[in-house]
Amino acid sequence: MNALTLSTSQREEFRNITAQIQQVVQETDALDGICLVFCPHTTAGLTINECADPDVAGDMVMALRTIVPDTLPWRHGEGNSPAHVRASLMGSSVRIPLQKGRLQLGRWQGVFFCEFDGPRTRNVWVQIGS
């Protein structure tokens, strides 16, 4: 398994990590199979979405803030309950088919690391299988 280390700079941000994942794939010399990308954090997640227009990521953050507002009567003592819920909505992993050593994403798709409790240093694990 390979690990990526990311340093986020905002409380909430969507960071396109597609190129970093592709680099891991190339370093493994894998040709065909599945690339599993996993986030081992409870206040961050992963998603695949449009990467051509940066406004999409901003809209995603805005929508998640609306769906999961900070102002609910949260009980978790650390004060980051909205981050836990937003991360659960995004999910902790994505799977991407590999063909001839390339991630098989749609034309406009990218893999995003979703930070909801930053800024922090985070890890993302990448594993290639058949």
N, C-alpha and C. Protein backbone atom coordinates (compact mmCIF):
# COMPACT_ATOMS: atom_id res chain seq x y z
N MET A 1 0.86 -1.18 0.00
CA MET A 1 0.00 0.00 0.00
C MET A 1 0.90 1.23 0.00
N ASN A 2 0.47 2.24 -0.72
CA ASN A 2 1.18 3.51 -0.81
C ASN A 2 0.40 4.59 -0.08
N ALA A 3 1.10 5.55 0.48
CA ALA A 3 0.44 6.64 1.19
C ALA A 3 0.80 7.98 0.57
N LEU A 4 -0.21 8.82 0.45
CA LEU A 4 -0.01 10.21 0.08
C LEU A 4 -0.18 11.04 1.35
N THR A 5 0.63 12.05 1.52
CA THR A 5 0.49 12.98 2.63
C THR A 5 0.07 14.32 2.07
N LEU A 6 -1.00 14.87 2.64
CA LEU A 6 -1.55 16.16 2.20
C LEU A 6 -1.58 17.12 3.37
N SER A 7 -1.28 18.36 3.11
CA SER A 7 -1.45 19.42 4.11
C SER A 7 -2.54 20.34 3.60
N THR A 8 -3.64 20.38 4.33
CA THR A 8 -4.74 21.26 3.92
C THR A 8 -4.54 22.62 4.56
N SER A 9 -5.13 23.64 3.94
CA SER A 9 -4.90 25.00 4.40
C SER A 9 -6.17 25.71 4.87
N GLN A 10 -7.32 25.05 4.70
CA GLN A 10 -8.58 25.68 5.08
C GLN A 10 -9.39 24.72 5.94
N ARG A 11 -10.38 25.27 6.62
CA ARG A 11 -11.26 24.43 7.43
C ARG A 11 -11.97 23.40 6.55
N GLU A 12 -12.47 23.86 5.41
CA GLU A 12 -13.15 22.97 4.46
C GLU A 12 -12.57 23.23 3.08
N GLU A 13 -12.13 22.18 2.43
CA GLU A 13 -11.63 22.33 1.07
C GLU A 13 -11.71 21.01 0.33
N PHE A 14 -11.90 21.13 -0.96
CA PHE A 14 -11.86 19.97 -1.86
C PHE A 14 -10.58 20.11 -2.68
N ARG A 15 -9.70 19.14 -2.55
CA ARG A 15 -8.43 19.18 -3.28
C ARG A 15 -8.38 18.06 -4.30
N ASN A 16 -8.12 18.43 -5.54
CA ASN A 16 -8.00 17.45 -6.62
C ASN A 16 -6.68 16.70 -6.45
N ILE A 17 -6.76 15.38 -6.21
CA ILE A 17 -5.56 14.56 -6.01
C ILE A 17 -5.39 13.53 -7.11
N THR A 18 -6.06 13.73 -8.23
CA THR A 18 -6.02 12.76 -9.33
C THR A 18 -4.59 12.54 -9.82
N ALA A 19 -3.84 13.59 -10.06
CA ALA A 19 -2.48 13.45 -10.58
C ALA A 19 -1.58 12.70 -9.60
N GLN A 20 -1.75 12.95 -8.31
CA GLN A 20 -0.95 12.25 -7.31
C GLN A 20 -1.27 10.75 -7.29
N ILE A 21 -2.53 10.41 -7.46
CA ILE A 21 -2.92 9.00 -7.50
C ILE A 21 -2.36 8.35 -8.76
N GLN A 22 -2.46 9.04 -9.88
CA GLN A 22 -1.92 8.49 -11.13
C GLN A 22 -0.42 8.25 -11.01
N GLN A 23 0.28 9.13 -10.31
CA GLN A 23 1.72 8.96 -10.10
C GLN A 23 2.00 7.69 -9.31
N VAL A 24 1.21 7.42 -8.29
CA VAL A 24 1.36 6.18 -7.52
C VAL A 24 1.15 4.97 -8.43
N VAL A 25 0.12 5.03 -9.26
CA VAL A 25 -0.16 3.93 -10.19
C VAL A 25 1.05 3.69 -11.09
N GLN A 26 1.62 4.75 -11.63
CA GLN A 26 2.77 4.61 -12.52
C GLN A 26 3.97 4.01 -11.80
N GLU A 27 4.16 4.38 -10.55
CA GLU A 27 5.29 3.87 -9.78
C GLU A 27 5.15 2.39 -9.45
N THR A 28 3.93 1.87 -9.45
CA THR A 28 3.71 0.45 -9.16
C THR A 28 3.82 -0.41 -10.40
N ASP A 29 3.87 0.20 -11.57
CA ASP A 29 3.91 -0.53 -12.84
C ASP A 29 2.66 -1.38 -13.08
N ALA A 30 1.57 -1.07 -12.38
CA ALA A 30 0.31 -1.80 -12.60
C ALA A 30 -0.26 -1.42 -13.96
N LEU A 31 -0.83 -2.39 -14.66
CA LEU A 31 -1.44 -2.11 -15.95
C LEU A 31 -2.96 -2.12 -15.89
N ASP A 32 -3.53 -3.24 -15.47
CA ASP A 32 -4.99 -3.37 -15.40
C ASP A 32 -5.39 -3.80 -14.01
N GLY A 33 -6.56 -3.37 -13.58
CA GLY A 33 -7.05 -3.74 -12.26
C GLY A 33 -7.91 -2.65 -11.68
N ILE A 34 -7.84 -2.54 -10.36
CA ILE A 34 -8.63 -1.56 -9.62
C ILE A 34 -7.69 -0.78 -8.71
N CYS A 35 -7.90 0.52 -8.68
CA CYS A 35 -7.17 1.38 -7.76
C CYS A 35 -8.13 1.76 -6.63
N LEU A 36 -7.80 1.34 -5.43
CA LEU A 36 -8.58 1.71 -4.25
C LEU A 36 -7.90 2.87 -3.57
N VAL A 37 -8.65 3.93 -3.33
CA VAL A 37 -8.13 5.11 -2.62
C VAL A 37 -8.95 5.23 -1.34
N PHE A 38 -8.26 5.28 -0.19
CA PHE A 38 -8.93 5.23 1.11
C PHE A 38 -8.44 6.38 2.00
N CYS A 39 -9.38 7.00 2.69
CA CYS A 39 -9.09 8.08 3.63
C CYS A 39 -9.27 7.55 5.06
N PRO A 40 -8.18 7.46 5.85
CA PRO A 40 -8.30 6.91 7.21
C PRO A 40 -8.65 7.95 8.28
N HIS A 41 -9.41 8.95 7.92
CA HIS A 41 -9.76 10.02 8.86
C HIS A 41 -11.28 10.14 8.96
N THR A 42 -11.78 10.47 10.14
CA THR A 42 -13.24 10.55 10.34
C THR A 42 -13.82 11.92 10.04
N THR A 43 -12.99 12.91 9.80
CA THR A 43 -13.49 14.24 9.47
C THR A 43 -13.02 14.70 8.09
N ALA A 44 -12.70 13.75 7.24
CA ALA A 44 -12.32 14.02 5.86
C ALA A 44 -12.84 12.85 5.02
N GLY A 45 -12.96 13.07 3.73
CA GLY A 45 -13.47 12.02 2.86
C GLY A 45 -12.92 12.13 1.46
N LEU A 46 -13.51 11.35 0.58
CA LEU A 46 -13.11 11.31 -0.83
C LEU A 46 -14.35 11.29 -1.70
N THR A 47 -14.23 11.88 -2.88
CA THR A 47 -15.31 11.80 -3.85
C THR A 47 -14.73 11.96 -5.25
N ILE A 48 -15.49 11.51 -6.23
CA ILE A 48 -15.16 11.73 -7.63
C ILE A 48 -16.22 12.68 -8.18
N ASN A 49 -15.75 13.77 -8.78
CA ASN A 49 -16.68 14.75 -9.33
C ASN A 49 -15.98 15.56 -10.42
N GLU A 50 -16.67 16.54 -10.95
CA GLU A 50 -16.10 17.35 -12.03
C GLU A 50 -14.87 18.12 -11.55
N CYS A 51 -13.82 18.06 -12.37
CA CYS A 51 -12.59 18.76 -12.02
C CYS A 51 -12.24 19.87 -13.01
N ALA A 52 -13.06 20.08 -14.03
CA ALA A 52 -12.76 21.11 -15.03
C ALA A 52 -13.10 22.52 -14.53
N ASP A 53 -14.15 22.66 -13.77
CA ASP A 53 -14.60 23.96 -13.28
C ASP A 53 -14.42 24.00 -11.77
N PRO A 54 -13.51 24.82 -11.24
CA PRO A 54 -13.28 24.86 -9.79
C PRO A 54 -14.49 25.31 -8.99
N ASP A 55 -15.47 25.94 -9.64
CA ASP A 55 -16.68 26.35 -8.93
C ASP A 55 -17.48 25.15 -8.44
N VAL A 56 -17.34 24.01 -9.09
CA VAL A 56 -18.08 22.81 -8.65
C VAL A 56 -17.67 22.43 -7.23
N ALA A 57 -16.36 22.41 -6.96
CA ALA A 57 -15.88 22.07 -5.62
C ALA A 57 -16.41 23.06 -4.59
N GLY A 58 -16.38 24.34 -4.93
CA GLY A 58 -16.93 25.36 -4.02
C GLY A 58 -18.41 25.17 -3.79
N ASP A 59 -19.13 24.81 -4.84
CA ASP A 59 -20.57 24.55 -4.70
C ASP A 59 -20.83 23.34 -3.82
N MET A 60 -19.97 22.34 -3.92
CA MET A 60 -20.12 21.15 -3.07
C MET A 60 -19.96 21.53 -1.60
N VAL A 61 -18.94 22.33 -1.29
CA VAL A 61 -18.74 22.79 0.09
C VAL A 61 -19.96 23.57 0.56
N MET A 62 -20.46 24.48 -0.28
CA MET A 62 -21.63 25.29 0.08
C MET A 62 -22.85 24.40 0.35
N ALA A 63 -23.07 23.42 -0.51
CA ALA A 63 -24.23 22.53 -0.34
C ALA A 63 -24.11 21.72 0.94
N LEU A 64 -22.92 21.21 1.22
CA LEU A 64 -22.74 20.43 2.44
C LEU A 64 -22.92 21.29 3.69
N ARG A 65 -22.48 22.54 3.64
CA ARG A 65 -22.72 23.45 4.77
C ARG A 65 -24.22 23.69 4.97
N THR A 66 -24.97 23.72 3.87
CA THR A 66 -26.41 23.93 3.96
C THR A 66 -27.12 22.68 4.49
N ILE A 67 -26.73 21.53 3.99
CA ILE A 67 -27.33 20.27 4.41
C ILE A 67 -26.98 19.94 5.85
N VAL A 68 -25.74 20.24 6.24
CA VAL A 68 -25.24 19.94 7.59
C VAL A 68 -24.72 21.25 8.21
N PRO A 69 -25.63 22.06 8.75
CA PRO A 69 -25.21 23.36 9.28
C PRO A 69 -24.42 23.23 10.59
N ASP A 70 -23.54 24.18 10.81
CA ASP A 70 -22.77 24.23 12.06
C ASP A 70 -23.64 24.54 13.27
N THR A 71 -24.82 25.10 13.03
CA THR A 71 -25.64 25.66 14.11
C THR A 71 -26.59 24.67 14.77
N LEU A 72 -26.58 23.41 14.38
CA LEU A 72 -27.43 22.43 15.05
C LEU A 72 -26.94 22.22 16.49
N PRO A 73 -27.79 21.69 17.37
CA PRO A 73 -27.36 21.48 18.76
C PRO A 73 -26.49 20.22 18.89
N TRP A 74 -25.29 20.27 18.34
CA TRP A 74 -24.37 19.13 18.34
C TRP A 74 -23.95 18.78 19.75
N ARG A 75 -23.75 17.51 20.03
CA ARG A 75 -23.41 17.06 21.38
C ARG A 75 -21.95 16.61 21.50
N HIS A 76 -21.31 16.27 20.42
CA HIS A 76 -19.92 15.80 20.45
C HIS A 76 -19.02 16.87 21.06
N GLY A 77 -18.26 16.50 22.06
CA GLY A 77 -17.48 17.45 22.84
C GLY A 77 -16.37 18.18 22.10
N GLU A 78 -15.85 17.62 21.02
CA GLU A 78 -14.75 18.26 20.30
C GLU A 78 -15.21 19.43 19.43
N GLY A 79 -16.52 19.54 19.20
CA GLY A 79 -17.04 20.66 18.42
C GLY A 79 -16.92 20.49 16.92
N ASN A 80 -16.62 19.28 16.46
CA ASN A 80 -16.46 19.08 15.02
C ASN A 80 -17.46 18.07 14.45
N SER A 81 -18.61 17.96 15.10
CA SER A 81 -19.64 17.04 14.60
C SER A 81 -20.04 17.29 13.16
N PRO A 82 -20.20 18.55 12.71
CA PRO A 82 -20.54 18.75 11.31
C PRO A 82 -19.50 18.12 10.37
N ALA A 83 -18.23 18.17 10.75
CA ALA A 83 -17.18 17.58 9.92
C ALA A 83 -17.35 16.06 9.83
N HIS A 84 -17.73 15.42 10.91
CA HIS A 84 -17.95 13.97 10.90
C HIS A 84 -19.10 13.61 9.96
N VAL A 85 -20.18 14.37 10.02
CA VAL A 85 -21.35 14.08 9.18
C VAL A 85 -21.02 14.34 7.71
N ARG A 86 -20.38 15.45 7.42
CA ARG A 86 -20.02 15.77 6.03
C ARG A 86 -19.08 14.71 5.45
N ALA A 87 -18.13 14.26 6.25
CA ALA A 87 -17.21 13.21 5.79
C ALA A 87 -17.96 11.91 5.50
N SER A 88 -18.92 11.58 6.35
CA SER A 88 -19.71 10.36 6.11
C SER A 88 -20.53 10.48 4.83
N LEU A 89 -21.04 11.66 4.55
CA LEU A 89 -21.80 11.85 3.32
C LEU A 89 -20.92 11.67 2.08
N MET A 90 -19.68 12.10 2.15
CA MET A 90 -18.76 11.94 1.02
C MET A 90 -18.28 10.50 0.90
N GLY A 91 -17.99 9.87 2.01
CA GLY A 91 -17.47 8.51 2.00
C GLY A 91 -15.97 8.48 2.23
N SER A 92 -15.48 7.31 2.61
CA SER A 92 -14.06 7.18 2.97
C SER A 92 -13.22 6.56 1.86
N SER A 93 -13.84 6.13 0.76
CA SER A 93 -13.04 5.50 -0.29
C SER A 93 -13.70 5.67 -1.66
N VAL A 94 -12.85 5.53 -2.69
CA VAL A 94 -13.32 5.46 -4.07
C VAL A 94 -12.53 4.34 -4.75
N ARG A 95 -13.14 3.72 -5.74
CA ARG A 95 -12.49 2.69 -6.55
C ARG A 95 -12.52 3.15 -8.00
N ILE A 96 -11.37 3.01 -8.65
CA ILE A 96 -11.25 3.46 -10.03
C ILE A 96 -10.65 2.34 -10.86
N PRO A 97 -11.27 1.98 -11.97
CA PRO A 97 -10.66 0.96 -12.84
C PRO A 97 -9.35 1.46 -13.44
N LEU A 98 -8.43 0.53 -13.64
CA LEU A 98 -7.16 0.82 -14.32
C LEU A 98 -7.14 0.06 -15.63
N GLN A 99 -6.67 0.73 -16.65
CA GLN A 99 -6.47 0.07 -17.94
C GLN A 99 -5.19 0.63 -18.56
N LYS A 100 -4.28 -0.28 -18.90
CA LYS A 100 -2.98 0.11 -19.48
C LYS A 100 -2.27 1.15 -18.63
N GLY A 101 -2.35 0.98 -17.31
CA GLY A 101 -1.65 1.85 -16.39
C GLY A 101 -2.25 3.22 -16.17
N ARG A 102 -3.47 3.44 -16.63
CA ARG A 102 -4.12 4.74 -16.49
C ARG A 102 -5.43 4.61 -15.71
N LEU A 103 -5.69 5.60 -14.88
CA LEU A 103 -6.98 5.67 -14.20
C LEU A 103 -8.06 5.87 -15.24
N GLN A 104 -9.11 5.12 -15.16
CA GLN A 104 -10.21 5.20 -16.13
C GLN A 104 -11.33 6.07 -15.55
N LEU A 105 -11.12 7.38 -15.65
CA LEU A 105 -12.11 8.35 -15.20
C LEU A 105 -12.76 8.98 -16.41
N GLY A 106 -13.97 9.48 -16.22
CA GLY A 106 -14.64 10.20 -17.29
C GLY A 106 -13.91 11.48 -17.64
N ARG A 107 -14.23 12.02 -18.78
CA ARG A 107 -13.53 13.20 -19.31
C ARG A 107 -13.41 14.34 -18.31
N TRP A 108 -14.44 14.59 -17.54
CA TRP A 108 -14.45 15.73 -16.62
C TRP A 108 -14.24 15.32 -15.17
N GLN A 109 -13.99 14.04 -14.91
CA GLN A 109 -13.91 13.56 -13.53
C GLN A 109 -12.51 13.69 -12.94
N GLY A 110 -12.49 13.95 -11.65
CA GLY A 110 -11.26 13.95 -10.87
C GLY A 110 -11.56 13.39 -9.49
N VAL A 111 -10.53 12.96 -8.80
CA VAL A 111 -10.66 12.45 -7.44
C VAL A 111 -10.33 13.60 -6.49
N PHE A 112 -11.24 13.85 -5.56
CA PHE A 112 -11.07 14.95 -4.61
C PHE A 112 -10.92 14.44 -3.19
N PHE A 113 -9.92 14.97 -2.50
CA PHE A 113 -9.82 14.81 -1.05
C PHE A 113 -10.67 15.92 -0.45
N CYS A 114 -11.55 15.56 0.47
CA CYS A 114 -12.52 16.50 1.05
C CYS A 114 -12.18 16.74 2.52
N GLU A 115 -11.64 17.90 2.81
CA GLU A 115 -11.29 18.28 4.18
C GLU A 115 -12.47 19.00 4.81
N PHE A 116 -12.82 18.59 6.04
CA PHE A 116 -13.92 19.24 6.74
C PHE A 116 -13.55 19.71 8.15
N ASP A 117 -12.29 19.52 8.55
CA ASP A 117 -11.86 19.88 9.91
C ASP A 117 -10.41 20.37 9.89
N GLY A 118 -10.09 21.18 8.90
CA GLY A 118 -8.71 21.61 8.72
C GLY A 118 -8.45 22.94 9.38
N PRO A 119 -7.27 23.45 9.11
CA PRO A 119 -6.19 22.83 8.33
C PRO A 119 -5.50 21.73 9.14
N ARG A 120 -5.09 20.70 8.42
CA ARG A 120 -4.43 19.54 9.03
C ARG A 120 -3.47 18.89 8.03
N THR A 121 -2.64 18.00 8.56
CA THR A 121 -1.86 17.10 7.72
C THR A 121 -2.61 15.79 7.69
N ARG A 122 -2.88 15.30 6.48
CA ARG A 122 -3.71 14.11 6.30
C ARG A 122 -3.00 13.06 5.46
N ASN A 123 -3.47 11.84 5.56
CA ASN A 123 -2.97 10.74 4.75
C ASN A 123 -4.08 10.20 3.87
N VAL A 124 -3.70 9.72 2.72
CA VAL A 124 -4.61 8.99 1.82
C VAL A 124 -3.85 7.76 1.40
N TRP A 125 -4.48 6.60 1.48
CA TRP A 125 -3.84 5.34 1.14
C TRP A 125 -4.30 4.91 -0.25
N VAL A 126 -3.37 4.41 -1.04
CA VAL A 126 -3.66 3.95 -2.41
C VAL A 126 -3.19 2.52 -2.54
N GLN A 127 -4.09 1.65 -2.96
CA GLN A 127 -3.74 0.24 -3.17
C GLN A 127 -4.25 -0.22 -4.52
N ILE A 128 -3.41 -0.94 -5.24
CA ILE A 128 -3.74 -1.45 -6.56
C ILE A 128 -4.02 -2.94 -6.43
N GLY A 129 -5.12 -3.39 -7.03
CA GLY A 129 -5.47 -4.81 -7.00
C GLY A 129 -6.01 -5.23 -8.36
N SER A 130 -6.25 -6.52 -8.44
CA SER A 130 -6.79 -7.03 -9.71
C SER A 130 -8.24 -7.45 -9.55
